[in-house]
Every structure is written in C-alpha cells, then in structure tokens.
Amino acid sequence: MERIAAEDVIVCDALPVTTCEVDTAGEGRQKLKELLDRSGIPHGEMILEQMKNTWGMRGAMLLDADSLKRLEPDHQRGVRATYMDVADSGDDRSQKNHFKEALVLATKVSSHKNIIGEICISDDPDYVTGYFASKELGYVRITKLKEMGCPDGGRIFLFRGSEEEADDCIRYLEHQKMLVRI
C-alpha cells in the first residue's frame, strides 16, 4: 500500500464513448485508419504495422505520430500507465471488465497534452474488441480488431511534441494519480 495525498489526485470525467460495429478484423483495421486520418495523424498504415511490435510488451509503445520514432526508453517494457482507477469503486471487482478498465486507462492517457491518440487491441484471445481514443473523438470502441482465439494485442500511445515533453509524458503516465468518473 502507498499513502496518497488527496491533493495529488486528479479527478476527471471519462471520455465520451461511441461504438463502431464491424463484421471483420479487416473492416476494424480500416476504421482505425479512418480515425487516425480524422485526428490529423498521418501514416495510418505504418502506425498499424507497428502494432506487431507491441505484442508481448508489458506496457505500451510511445510513438512519435509524425516521425514514427519510438520514444519509450525500454522498447521491451514500453510505457506503463499506472495509478488510475474508477472514481466510484462501489462496483463488483470480482469480474474482469475489459471495457471499464480500458476506458479509465484511455481517459488518463488522452488527458496528457502531448498524447494525440491511442490504439489498443486486447491480448485476451477471447476478446476481439479494441479501440481508438483521443481528446477530440473520445473513446471509439471497434467491435472486431482481430480473430477470436488470437493472443496478439498491444497498445500504441501516439505522441506529438519535443523529447523533453516525451520525458514529462512518461512521468505523467507512470506516476500521476487519477480517478475517473464513469
């Protein structure tokens, strides 16, 4: 356990949620490219190709959205967004809730000024829904981003800014305390 002062905790509202129903993983991938484009993020196909480099990572890739340079200090570990939870923890935590966990994480990640988007595909072989999240578009669930039974998945945090800002972003994602109202 760690003692945390109330004034060190940011409390914010969750990103607005929309759902994009697709029939195939290919359609889901096409929707991701459209969302990247709508968000002013170039190189959609090349960014999606980077997903395979996130499989098995404990954290997320921090990727410069323009140069496609990886910014995380440890490419095996990635960046781990931590110290976040649902503001009202009265719900039953005995069951895994992919959606709620992902919404809290995406809300924290997108709240940093230099994060312009996040892509996530679950590494749970029985869960095929993924998402794109950004301040502007909110949390966009895409119902199929891989085939059932596939264990591959990962996250990419899309960053825009200087190297000094990247260091600040990593500190924020890994250490800033946050509660999210859902």
N, C-alpha and C. Protein backbone atom coordinates (compact mmCIF):
# COMPACT_ATOMS: atom_id res chain seq x y z
N MET A 1 0.84 -1.18 0.00
CA MET A 1 0.00 0.00 0.00
C MET A 1 0.88 1.24 0.00
N GLU A 2 0.33 2.28 -0.55
CA GLU A 2 1.03 3.54 -0.64
C GLU A 2 0.08 4.66 -0.22
N ARG A 3 0.54 5.50 0.69
CA ARG A 3 -0.28 6.63 1.13
C ARG A 3 -0.24 7.71 0.06
N ILE A 4 -1.42 8.22 -0.30
CA ILE A 4 -1.52 9.23 -1.34
C ILE A 4 -2.32 10.41 -0.78
N ALA A 5 -1.80 11.61 -0.94
CA ALA A 5 -2.50 12.82 -0.51
C ALA A 5 -3.59 13.16 -1.52
N ALA A 6 -4.75 13.54 -1.02
CA ALA A 6 -5.90 13.83 -1.88
C ALA A 6 -5.56 14.90 -2.92
N GLU A 7 -4.75 15.88 -2.55
CA GLU A 7 -4.42 16.96 -3.50
C GLU A 7 -3.51 16.50 -4.63
N ASP A 8 -2.96 15.30 -4.52
CA ASP A 8 -2.11 14.76 -5.59
C ASP A 8 -2.89 13.96 -6.63
N VAL A 9 -4.21 13.86 -6.42
CA VAL A 9 -5.05 13.04 -7.30
C VAL A 9 -5.89 13.94 -8.21
N ILE A 10 -5.80 13.70 -9.50
CA ILE A 10 -6.67 14.37 -10.46
C ILE A 10 -7.95 13.54 -10.58
N VAL A 11 -9.10 14.22 -10.55
CA VAL A 11 -10.38 13.55 -10.77
C VAL A 11 -10.98 14.15 -12.03
N CYS A 12 -11.37 13.29 -12.97
CA CYS A 12 -11.92 13.79 -14.22
C CYS A 12 -13.02 12.87 -14.73
N ASP A 13 -13.76 13.36 -15.69
CA ASP A 13 -14.82 12.57 -16.33
C ASP A 13 -14.21 11.69 -17.41
N ALA A 14 -14.81 10.53 -17.60
CA ALA A 14 -14.37 9.61 -18.65
C ALA A 14 -14.61 10.22 -20.01
N LEU A 15 -13.82 9.78 -20.96
CA LEU A 15 -14.04 10.17 -22.35
C LEU A 15 -15.44 9.73 -22.78
N PRO A 16 -16.08 10.49 -23.67
CA PRO A 16 -17.36 10.01 -24.22
C PRO A 16 -17.12 8.76 -25.06
N VAL A 17 -18.08 7.85 -25.04
CA VAL A 17 -17.93 6.54 -25.69
C VAL A 17 -18.87 6.42 -26.89
N THR A 18 -18.31 5.94 -28.00
CA THR A 18 -19.12 5.54 -29.14
C THR A 18 -18.66 4.14 -29.56
N THR A 19 -19.52 3.45 -30.29
CA THR A 19 -19.19 2.10 -30.75
C THR A 19 -19.33 2.04 -32.25
N CYS A 20 -18.34 1.45 -32.88
CA CYS A 20 -18.34 1.23 -34.33
C CYS A 20 -18.46 -0.28 -34.56
N GLU A 21 -19.61 -0.69 -35.05
CA GLU A 21 -19.86 -2.11 -35.33
C GLU A 21 -19.22 -2.48 -36.67
N VAL A 22 -18.37 -3.50 -36.64
CA VAL A 22 -17.78 -4.03 -37.88
C VAL A 22 -17.94 -5.54 -37.86
N ASP A 23 -17.90 -6.14 -39.05
CA ASP A 23 -18.07 -7.59 -39.17
C ASP A 23 -16.76 -8.36 -39.21
N THR A 24 -15.68 -7.70 -39.64
CA THR A 24 -14.40 -8.39 -39.78
C THR A 24 -13.27 -7.56 -39.17
N ALA A 25 -12.17 -8.23 -38.87
CA ALA A 25 -10.99 -7.54 -38.38
C ALA A 25 -10.44 -6.58 -39.44
N GLY A 26 -10.57 -6.93 -40.69
CA GLY A 26 -10.13 -6.04 -41.78
C GLY A 26 -10.92 -4.75 -41.80
N GLU A 27 -12.24 -4.85 -41.58
CA GLU A 27 -13.07 -3.65 -41.50
C GLU A 27 -12.67 -2.82 -40.28
N GLY A 28 -12.36 -3.49 -39.19
CA GLY A 28 -11.93 -2.79 -37.98
C GLY A 28 -10.63 -2.04 -38.21
N ARG A 29 -9.70 -2.66 -38.88
CA ARG A 29 -8.42 -2.02 -39.20
C ARG A 29 -8.65 -0.80 -40.10
N GLN A 30 -9.54 -0.93 -41.07
CA GLN A 30 -9.87 0.20 -41.96
C GLN A 30 -10.47 1.34 -41.15
N LYS A 31 -11.32 1.02 -40.20
CA LYS A 31 -11.92 2.05 -39.34
C LYS A 31 -10.83 2.75 -38.52
N LEU A 32 -9.85 2.01 -38.01
CA LEU A 32 -8.74 2.63 -37.27
C LEU A 32 -8.01 3.63 -38.15
N LYS A 33 -7.74 3.26 -39.40
CA LYS A 33 -7.05 4.17 -40.32
C LYS A 33 -7.87 5.44 -40.55
N GLU A 34 -9.18 5.29 -40.67
CA GLU A 34 -10.06 6.46 -40.85
C GLU A 34 -10.02 7.36 -39.62
N LEU A 35 -10.03 6.77 -38.43
CA LEU A 35 -9.99 7.56 -37.20
C LEU A 35 -8.66 8.29 -37.05
N LEU A 36 -7.57 7.64 -37.41
CA LEU A 36 -6.26 8.30 -37.39
C LEU A 36 -6.28 9.49 -38.34
N ASP A 37 -6.80 9.29 -39.53
CA ASP A 37 -6.86 10.36 -40.52
C ASP A 37 -7.72 11.52 -40.02
N ARG A 38 -8.88 11.21 -39.47
CA ARG A 38 -9.77 12.26 -38.92
C ARG A 38 -9.11 13.03 -37.79
N SER A 39 -8.16 12.40 -37.11
CA SER A 39 -7.46 13.03 -35.99
C SER A 39 -6.22 13.79 -36.42
N GLY A 40 -5.97 13.84 -37.72
CA GLY A 40 -4.80 14.55 -38.22
C GLY A 40 -3.50 13.80 -37.98
N ILE A 41 -3.59 12.49 -37.90
CA ILE A 41 -2.41 11.66 -37.65
C ILE A 41 -2.05 10.97 -38.97
N PRO A 42 -0.89 11.34 -39.54
CA PRO A 42 -0.50 10.74 -40.82
C PRO A 42 0.04 9.32 -40.66
N HIS A 43 0.30 8.66 -41.75
CA HIS A 43 0.97 7.36 -41.77
C HIS A 43 0.14 6.25 -41.10
N GLY A 44 -1.17 6.27 -41.27
CA GLY A 44 -2.04 5.29 -40.60
C GLY A 44 -1.62 3.86 -40.79
N GLU A 45 -1.34 3.48 -42.02
CA GLU A 45 -0.96 2.08 -42.29
C GLU A 45 0.35 1.73 -41.60
N MET A 46 1.33 2.65 -41.64
CA MET A 46 2.62 2.38 -41.00
C MET A 46 2.48 2.31 -39.47
N ILE A 47 1.60 3.12 -38.91
CA ILE A 47 1.36 3.06 -37.47
C ILE A 47 0.74 1.71 -37.11
N LEU A 48 -0.24 1.28 -37.88
CA LEU A 48 -0.88 -0.01 -37.60
C LEU A 48 0.11 -1.16 -37.76
N GLU A 49 1.06 -1.04 -38.67
CA GLU A 49 2.10 -2.06 -38.82
C GLU A 49 2.96 -2.17 -37.56
N GLN A 50 3.09 -1.07 -36.82
CA GLN A 50 3.87 -1.07 -35.59
C GLN A 50 3.21 -1.91 -34.49
N MET A 51 1.92 -2.19 -34.61
CA MET A 51 1.22 -2.96 -33.57
C MET A 51 1.91 -4.29 -33.30
N LYS A 52 2.41 -4.94 -34.34
CA LYS A 52 3.04 -6.25 -34.14
C LYS A 52 4.26 -6.14 -33.22
N ASN A 53 4.86 -4.95 -33.11
CA ASN A 53 6.00 -4.75 -32.22
C ASN A 53 5.58 -4.55 -30.76
N THR A 54 4.27 -4.47 -30.52
CA THR A 54 3.78 -4.30 -29.14
C THR A 54 3.39 -5.63 -28.50
N TRP A 55 3.25 -6.68 -29.31
CA TRP A 55 2.81 -7.97 -28.79
C TRP A 55 3.81 -8.47 -27.75
N GLY A 56 3.32 -8.78 -26.59
CA GLY A 56 4.17 -9.30 -25.53
C GLY A 56 4.80 -8.23 -24.65
N MET A 57 4.64 -6.97 -25.00
CA MET A 57 5.19 -5.90 -24.16
C MET A 57 4.35 -5.78 -22.88
N ARG A 58 4.98 -5.40 -21.78
CA ARG A 58 4.25 -5.19 -20.53
C ARG A 58 3.56 -3.83 -20.51
N GLY A 59 4.03 -2.91 -21.33
CA GLY A 59 3.46 -1.58 -21.40
C GLY A 59 3.06 -1.27 -22.83
N ALA A 60 3.04 0.02 -23.14
CA ALA A 60 2.65 0.47 -24.48
C ALA A 60 3.84 1.10 -25.19
N MET A 61 3.76 1.08 -26.49
CA MET A 61 4.73 1.80 -27.31
C MET A 61 4.35 3.29 -27.24
N LEU A 62 5.34 4.15 -27.06
CA LEU A 62 5.14 5.59 -27.16
C LEU A 62 5.77 6.00 -28.49
N LEU A 63 4.92 6.38 -29.43
CA LEU A 63 5.35 6.58 -30.81
C LEU A 63 5.13 8.02 -31.22
N ASP A 64 6.19 8.66 -31.75
CA ASP A 64 6.03 9.99 -32.32
C ASP A 64 5.15 9.83 -33.55
N ALA A 65 3.99 10.48 -33.54
CA ALA A 65 3.00 10.28 -34.59
C ALA A 65 3.45 10.79 -35.96
N ASP A 66 4.43 11.69 -35.98
CA ASP A 66 4.88 12.25 -37.24
C ASP A 66 6.13 11.57 -37.79
N SER A 67 7.13 11.35 -36.93
CA SER A 67 8.38 10.74 -37.39
C SER A 67 8.37 9.22 -37.28
N LEU A 68 7.42 8.66 -36.53
CA LEU A 68 7.29 7.24 -36.24
C LEU A 68 8.47 6.71 -35.41
N LYS A 69 9.15 7.61 -34.72
CA LYS A 69 10.25 7.23 -33.83
C LYS A 69 9.66 6.75 -32.50
N ARG A 70 10.19 5.63 -32.03
CA ARG A 70 9.77 5.12 -30.71
C ARG A 70 10.45 5.94 -29.63
N LEU A 71 9.69 6.35 -28.63
CA LEU A 71 10.18 7.26 -27.61
C LEU A 71 10.34 6.63 -26.23
N GLU A 72 9.84 5.42 -26.04
CA GLU A 72 9.96 4.81 -24.71
C GLU A 72 11.40 4.36 -24.49
N PRO A 73 11.96 4.59 -23.28
CA PRO A 73 13.36 4.25 -23.01
C PRO A 73 13.67 2.75 -23.14
N ASP A 74 12.74 1.91 -22.76
CA ASP A 74 12.93 0.46 -22.82
C ASP A 74 11.91 -0.11 -23.80
N HIS A 75 12.37 -0.48 -24.98
CA HIS A 75 11.46 -0.96 -26.03
C HIS A 75 10.85 -2.32 -25.71
N GLN A 76 11.44 -3.09 -24.80
CA GLN A 76 10.86 -4.37 -24.41
C GLN A 76 9.70 -4.17 -23.43
N ARG A 77 9.87 -3.22 -22.51
CA ARG A 77 8.88 -2.96 -21.47
C ARG A 77 7.78 -2.02 -21.94
N GLY A 78 8.18 -0.96 -22.63
CA GLY A 78 7.23 0.06 -23.02
C GLY A 78 6.96 1.02 -21.87
N VAL A 79 5.90 1.80 -22.02
CA VAL A 79 5.47 2.75 -21.00
C VAL A 79 4.22 2.18 -20.35
N ARG A 80 4.21 2.14 -19.02
CA ARG A 80 3.05 1.60 -18.30
C ARG A 80 2.26 2.72 -17.66
N ALA A 81 1.02 2.89 -18.12
CA ALA A 81 0.12 3.86 -17.49
C ALA A 81 -0.40 3.23 -16.20
N THR A 82 -0.12 3.89 -15.08
CA THR A 82 -0.49 3.35 -13.77
C THR A 82 -1.15 4.42 -12.92
N TYR A 83 -1.50 4.06 -11.69
CA TYR A 83 -2.08 4.98 -10.71
C TYR A 83 -3.39 5.58 -11.19
N MET A 84 -4.31 4.74 -11.64
CA MET A 84 -5.62 5.22 -12.05
C MET A 84 -6.67 4.23 -11.63
N ASP A 85 -7.89 4.72 -11.44
CA ASP A 85 -9.00 3.85 -11.06
C ASP A 85 -10.30 4.58 -11.32
N VAL A 86 -11.40 3.85 -11.17
CA VAL A 86 -12.73 4.42 -11.27
C VAL A 86 -12.97 5.24 -10.00
N ALA A 87 -13.53 6.43 -10.14
CA ALA A 87 -13.77 7.31 -9.00
C ALA A 87 -14.73 6.68 -8.01
N ASP A 88 -15.77 6.00 -8.49
CA ASP A 88 -16.71 5.32 -7.61
C ASP A 88 -16.40 3.84 -7.67
N SER A 89 -15.70 3.34 -6.65
CA SER A 89 -15.28 1.94 -6.69
C SER A 89 -16.28 1.00 -6.02
N GLY A 90 -17.53 1.40 -5.98
CA GLY A 90 -18.54 0.57 -5.34
C GLY A 90 -18.99 -0.62 -6.18
N ASP A 91 -18.49 -0.71 -7.41
CA ASP A 91 -18.92 -1.81 -8.27
C ASP A 91 -18.22 -3.11 -7.90
N ASP A 92 -18.72 -4.20 -8.44
CA ASP A 92 -18.17 -5.53 -8.16
C ASP A 92 -16.87 -5.72 -8.94
N ARG A 93 -15.76 -5.88 -8.25
CA ARG A 93 -14.47 -6.04 -8.91
C ARG A 93 -14.06 -7.51 -9.02
N SER A 94 -14.96 -8.41 -8.71
CA SER A 94 -14.61 -9.82 -8.81
C SER A 94 -14.62 -10.30 -10.26
N GLN A 95 -15.27 -9.55 -11.14
CA GLN A 95 -15.33 -9.89 -12.56
C GLN A 95 -14.48 -8.91 -13.36
N LYS A 96 -13.70 -9.42 -14.29
CA LYS A 96 -12.90 -8.54 -15.15
C LYS A 96 -13.86 -7.78 -16.06
N ASN A 97 -13.64 -6.48 -16.16
CA ASN A 97 -14.46 -5.65 -17.03
C ASN A 97 -13.51 -4.94 -18.01
N HIS A 98 -13.28 -5.58 -19.16
CA HIS A 98 -12.36 -5.04 -20.16
C HIS A 98 -12.70 -3.59 -20.50
N PHE A 99 -13.97 -3.35 -20.75
CA PHE A 99 -14.40 -2.03 -21.19
C PHE A 99 -14.08 -0.96 -20.14
N LYS A 100 -14.48 -1.16 -18.92
CA LYS A 100 -14.29 -0.15 -17.88
C LYS A 100 -12.80 0.10 -17.62
N GLU A 101 -12.01 -0.98 -17.55
CA GLU A 101 -10.57 -0.83 -17.35
C GLU A 101 -9.94 -0.03 -18.49
N ALA A 102 -10.33 -0.35 -19.70
CA ALA A 102 -9.77 0.33 -20.87
C ALA A 102 -10.20 1.80 -20.92
N LEU A 103 -11.44 2.08 -20.56
CA LEU A 103 -11.94 3.45 -20.57
C LEU A 103 -11.19 4.32 -19.56
N VAL A 104 -10.93 3.78 -18.38
CA VAL A 104 -10.17 4.51 -17.37
C VAL A 104 -8.76 4.79 -17.88
N LEU A 105 -8.11 3.77 -18.42
CA LEU A 105 -6.75 3.94 -18.92
C LEU A 105 -6.72 4.94 -20.08
N ALA A 106 -7.63 4.81 -21.03
CA ALA A 106 -7.66 5.71 -22.18
C ALA A 106 -7.93 7.15 -21.76
N THR A 107 -8.76 7.32 -20.75
CA THR A 107 -9.04 8.67 -20.25
C THR A 107 -7.78 9.29 -19.67
N LYS A 108 -7.06 8.53 -18.86
CA LYS A 108 -5.82 9.06 -18.29
C LYS A 108 -4.82 9.38 -19.40
N VAL A 109 -4.59 8.44 -20.29
CA VAL A 109 -3.59 8.61 -21.33
C VAL A 109 -3.92 9.84 -22.19
N SER A 110 -5.17 9.95 -22.62
CA SER A 110 -5.53 11.05 -23.52
C SER A 110 -5.54 12.41 -22.81
N SER A 111 -5.51 12.41 -21.49
CA SER A 111 -5.53 13.68 -20.77
C SER A 111 -4.18 14.40 -20.82
N HIS A 112 -3.11 13.70 -21.20
CA HIS A 112 -1.82 14.39 -21.31
C HIS A 112 -1.82 15.24 -22.58
N LYS A 113 -1.33 16.47 -22.47
CA LYS A 113 -1.38 17.43 -23.58
C LYS A 113 -0.69 16.96 -24.85
N ASN A 114 0.30 16.08 -24.76
CA ASN A 114 1.03 15.65 -25.94
C ASN A 114 0.54 14.33 -26.54
N ILE A 115 -0.41 13.69 -25.91
CA ILE A 115 -0.97 12.46 -26.48
C ILE A 115 -2.10 12.86 -27.42
N ILE A 116 -1.97 12.46 -28.69
CA ILE A 116 -2.99 12.84 -29.67
C ILE A 116 -3.85 11.66 -30.08
N GLY A 117 -3.55 10.48 -29.54
CA GLY A 117 -4.37 9.30 -29.83
C GLY A 117 -3.79 8.06 -29.18
N GLU A 118 -4.63 7.07 -29.06
CA GLU A 118 -4.20 5.77 -28.55
C GLU A 118 -4.92 4.68 -29.33
N ILE A 119 -4.18 3.64 -29.66
CA ILE A 119 -4.76 2.46 -30.30
C ILE A 119 -4.56 1.29 -29.35
N CYS A 120 -5.59 0.48 -29.17
CA CYS A 120 -5.47 -0.70 -28.32
C CYS A 120 -6.19 -1.88 -28.94
N ILE A 121 -5.49 -3.00 -28.95
CA ILE A 121 -6.08 -4.30 -29.29
C ILE A 121 -5.77 -5.20 -28.12
N SER A 122 -6.79 -5.80 -27.53
CA SER A 122 -6.62 -6.65 -26.35
C SER A 122 -5.77 -7.87 -26.68
N ASP A 123 -4.95 -8.29 -25.70
CA ASP A 123 -4.18 -9.52 -25.88
C ASP A 123 -4.93 -10.74 -25.34
N ASP A 124 -6.16 -10.53 -24.88
CA ASP A 124 -7.01 -11.63 -24.42
C ASP A 124 -7.53 -12.36 -25.67
N PRO A 125 -7.23 -13.66 -25.80
CA PRO A 125 -7.66 -14.39 -27.01
C PRO A 125 -9.18 -14.49 -27.15
N ASP A 126 -9.91 -14.26 -26.07
CA ASP A 126 -11.37 -14.36 -26.12
C ASP A 126 -12.05 -13.00 -26.22
N TYR A 127 -11.28 -11.95 -26.47
CA TYR A 127 -11.84 -10.59 -26.54
C TYR A 127 -11.31 -9.92 -27.79
N VAL A 128 -12.18 -9.63 -28.75
CA VAL A 128 -11.74 -9.12 -30.05
C VAL A 128 -11.99 -7.62 -30.24
N THR A 129 -12.68 -7.00 -29.30
CA THR A 129 -12.97 -5.57 -29.38
C THR A 129 -11.75 -4.77 -28.98
N GLY A 130 -11.49 -3.70 -29.69
CA GLY A 130 -10.41 -2.79 -29.37
C GLY A 130 -10.91 -1.37 -29.48
N TYR A 131 -9.99 -0.40 -29.47
CA TYR A 131 -10.44 0.98 -29.54
C TYR A 131 -9.37 1.93 -30.06
N PHE A 132 -9.87 3.10 -30.45
CA PHE A 132 -9.05 4.28 -30.69
C PHE A 132 -9.58 5.33 -29.74
N ALA A 133 -8.69 6.06 -29.07
CA ALA A 133 -9.13 7.11 -28.15
C ALA A 133 -8.33 8.37 -28.39
N SER A 134 -9.01 9.51 -28.27
CA SER A 134 -8.35 10.81 -28.35
C SER A 134 -9.24 11.84 -27.66
N LYS A 135 -8.66 12.98 -27.33
CA LYS A 135 -9.42 14.06 -26.72
C LYS A 135 -10.59 14.47 -27.62
N GLU A 136 -10.34 14.56 -28.92
CA GLU A 136 -11.34 15.07 -29.85
C GLU A 136 -12.44 14.06 -30.17
N LEU A 137 -12.08 12.81 -30.37
CA LEU A 137 -13.06 11.80 -30.79
C LEU A 137 -13.61 10.99 -29.63
N GLY A 138 -12.99 11.09 -28.46
CA GLY A 138 -13.41 10.28 -27.32
C GLY A 138 -12.91 8.86 -27.46
N TYR A 139 -13.63 7.95 -26.82
CA TYR A 139 -13.27 6.53 -26.80
C TYR A 139 -14.15 5.83 -27.83
N VAL A 140 -13.53 5.38 -28.92
CA VAL A 140 -14.28 4.76 -30.01
C VAL A 140 -14.01 3.25 -29.98
N ARG A 141 -15.01 2.50 -29.52
CA ARG A 141 -14.90 1.04 -29.48
C ARG A 141 -15.10 0.51 -30.89
N ILE A 142 -14.24 -0.41 -31.30
CA ILE A 142 -14.37 -1.07 -32.59
C ILE A 142 -14.57 -2.55 -32.29
N THR A 143 -15.70 -3.08 -32.70
CA THR A 143 -16.15 -4.38 -32.21
C THR A 143 -15.30 -5.56 -32.63
N LYS A 144 -14.50 -5.41 -33.69
CA LYS A 144 -13.66 -6.53 -34.08
C LYS A 144 -12.36 -6.01 -34.67
N LEU A 145 -11.24 -6.27 -33.97
CA LEU A 145 -9.93 -5.87 -34.46
C LEU A 145 -8.98 -7.05 -34.62
N LYS A 146 -9.45 -8.25 -34.29
CA LYS A 146 -8.67 -9.46 -34.51
C LYS A 146 -9.63 -10.64 -34.51
N GLU A 147 -9.11 -11.81 -34.83
CA GLU A 147 -9.94 -13.01 -34.87
C GLU A 147 -10.02 -13.64 -33.47
N MET A 148 -11.15 -14.23 -33.15
CA MET A 148 -11.32 -14.94 -31.88
C MET A 148 -10.23 -16.00 -31.76
N GLY A 149 -9.63 -16.08 -30.57
CA GLY A 149 -8.57 -17.06 -30.31
C GLY A 149 -7.17 -16.51 -30.51
N CYS A 150 -7.06 -15.35 -31.12
CA CYS A 150 -5.74 -14.76 -31.38
C CYS A 150 -5.21 -14.11 -30.08
N PRO A 151 -4.01 -14.48 -29.64
CA PRO A 151 -3.46 -13.93 -28.40
C PRO A 151 -2.71 -12.61 -28.58
N ASP A 152 -2.59 -12.14 -29.83
CA ASP A 152 -1.82 -10.93 -30.10
C ASP A 152 -2.61 -9.68 -29.74
N GLY A 153 -1.92 -8.71 -29.21
CA GLY A 153 -2.53 -7.43 -28.87
C GLY A 153 -1.50 -6.51 -28.28
N GLY A 154 -1.86 -5.26 -28.16
CA GLY A 154 -0.97 -4.28 -27.57
C GLY A 154 -1.54 -2.88 -27.67
N ARG A 155 -0.72 -1.90 -27.25
CA ARG A 155 -1.15 -0.51 -27.25
C ARG A 155 -0.07 0.36 -27.86
N ILE A 156 -0.54 1.40 -28.54
CA ILE A 156 0.35 2.45 -29.02
C ILE A 156 -0.21 3.78 -28.54
N PHE A 157 0.62 4.54 -27.81
CA PHE A 157 0.29 5.91 -27.42
C PHE A 157 0.93 6.81 -28.48
N LEU A 158 0.13 7.60 -29.15
CA LEU A 158 0.60 8.48 -30.22
C LEU A 158 0.89 9.86 -29.65
N PHE A 159 2.13 10.29 -29.81
CA PHE A 159 2.67 11.47 -29.16
C PHE A 159 3.05 12.52 -30.19
N ARG A 160 2.86 13.79 -29.83
CA ARG A 160 3.35 14.88 -30.67
C ARG A 160 3.98 15.92 -29.75
N GLY A 161 5.27 16.18 -29.94
CA GLY A 161 5.97 17.16 -29.12
C GLY A 161 7.46 16.91 -29.13
N SER A 162 8.17 17.63 -28.23
CA SER A 162 9.62 17.54 -28.15
C SER A 162 10.06 16.36 -27.28
N GLU A 163 11.35 16.06 -27.31
CA GLU A 163 11.88 14.97 -26.48
C GLU A 163 11.72 15.28 -25.00
N GLU A 164 11.89 16.56 -24.60
CA GLU A 164 11.68 16.94 -23.20
C GLU A 164 10.23 16.68 -22.80
N GLU A 165 9.31 17.00 -23.69
CA GLU A 165 7.90 16.76 -23.41
C GLU A 165 7.62 15.26 -23.34
N ALA A 166 8.35 14.45 -24.11
CA ALA A 166 8.18 13.00 -24.05
C ALA A 166 8.56 12.48 -22.66
N ASP A 167 9.64 13.00 -22.10
CA ASP A 167 10.04 12.61 -20.74
C ASP A 167 8.96 12.97 -19.73
N ASP A 168 8.38 14.17 -19.86
CA ASP A 168 7.30 14.59 -18.97
C ASP A 168 6.08 13.70 -19.14
N CYS A 169 5.79 13.35 -20.36
CA CYS A 169 4.64 12.49 -20.66
C CYS A 169 4.80 11.13 -20.00
N ILE A 170 5.98 10.56 -20.10
CA ILE A 170 6.24 9.25 -19.49
C ILE A 170 6.07 9.34 -17.97
N ARG A 171 6.61 10.39 -17.36
CA ARG A 171 6.44 10.57 -15.90
C ARG A 171 4.97 10.66 -15.54
N TYR A 172 4.21 11.43 -16.31
CA TYR A 172 2.77 11.60 -16.08
C TYR A 172 2.04 10.26 -16.17
N LEU A 173 2.27 9.54 -17.25
CA LEU A 173 1.57 8.27 -17.46
C LEU A 173 1.90 7.26 -16.38
N GLU A 174 3.14 7.25 -15.92
CA GLU A 174 3.56 6.23 -14.97
C GLU A 174 3.36 6.64 -13.50
N HIS A 175 3.18 7.94 -13.21
CA HIS A 175 3.16 8.35 -11.80
C HIS A 175 1.99 9.25 -11.39
N GLN A 176 1.34 9.95 -12.31
CA GLN A 176 0.24 10.83 -11.92
C GLN A 176 -0.95 9.99 -11.43
N LYS A 177 -1.47 10.35 -10.26
CA LYS A 177 -2.63 9.66 -9.72
C LYS A 177 -3.90 10.24 -10.33
N MET A 178 -4.85 9.37 -10.71
CA MET A 178 -6.08 9.85 -11.33
C MET A 178 -7.25 8.94 -10.97
N LEU A 179 -8.39 9.56 -10.71
CA LEU A 179 -9.66 8.86 -10.57
C LEU A 179 -10.57 9.35 -11.69
N VAL A 180 -11.27 8.41 -12.32
CA VAL A 180 -12.10 8.72 -13.47
C VAL A 180 -13.56 8.45 -13.13
N ARG A 181 -14.38 9.49 -13.32
CA ARG A 181 -15.82 9.33 -13.13
C ARG A 181 -16.44 8.75 -14.40
N ILE A 182 -17.06 7.58 -14.25
CA ILE A 182 -17.68 6.92 -15.41
C ILE A 182 -19.19 7.09 -15.33
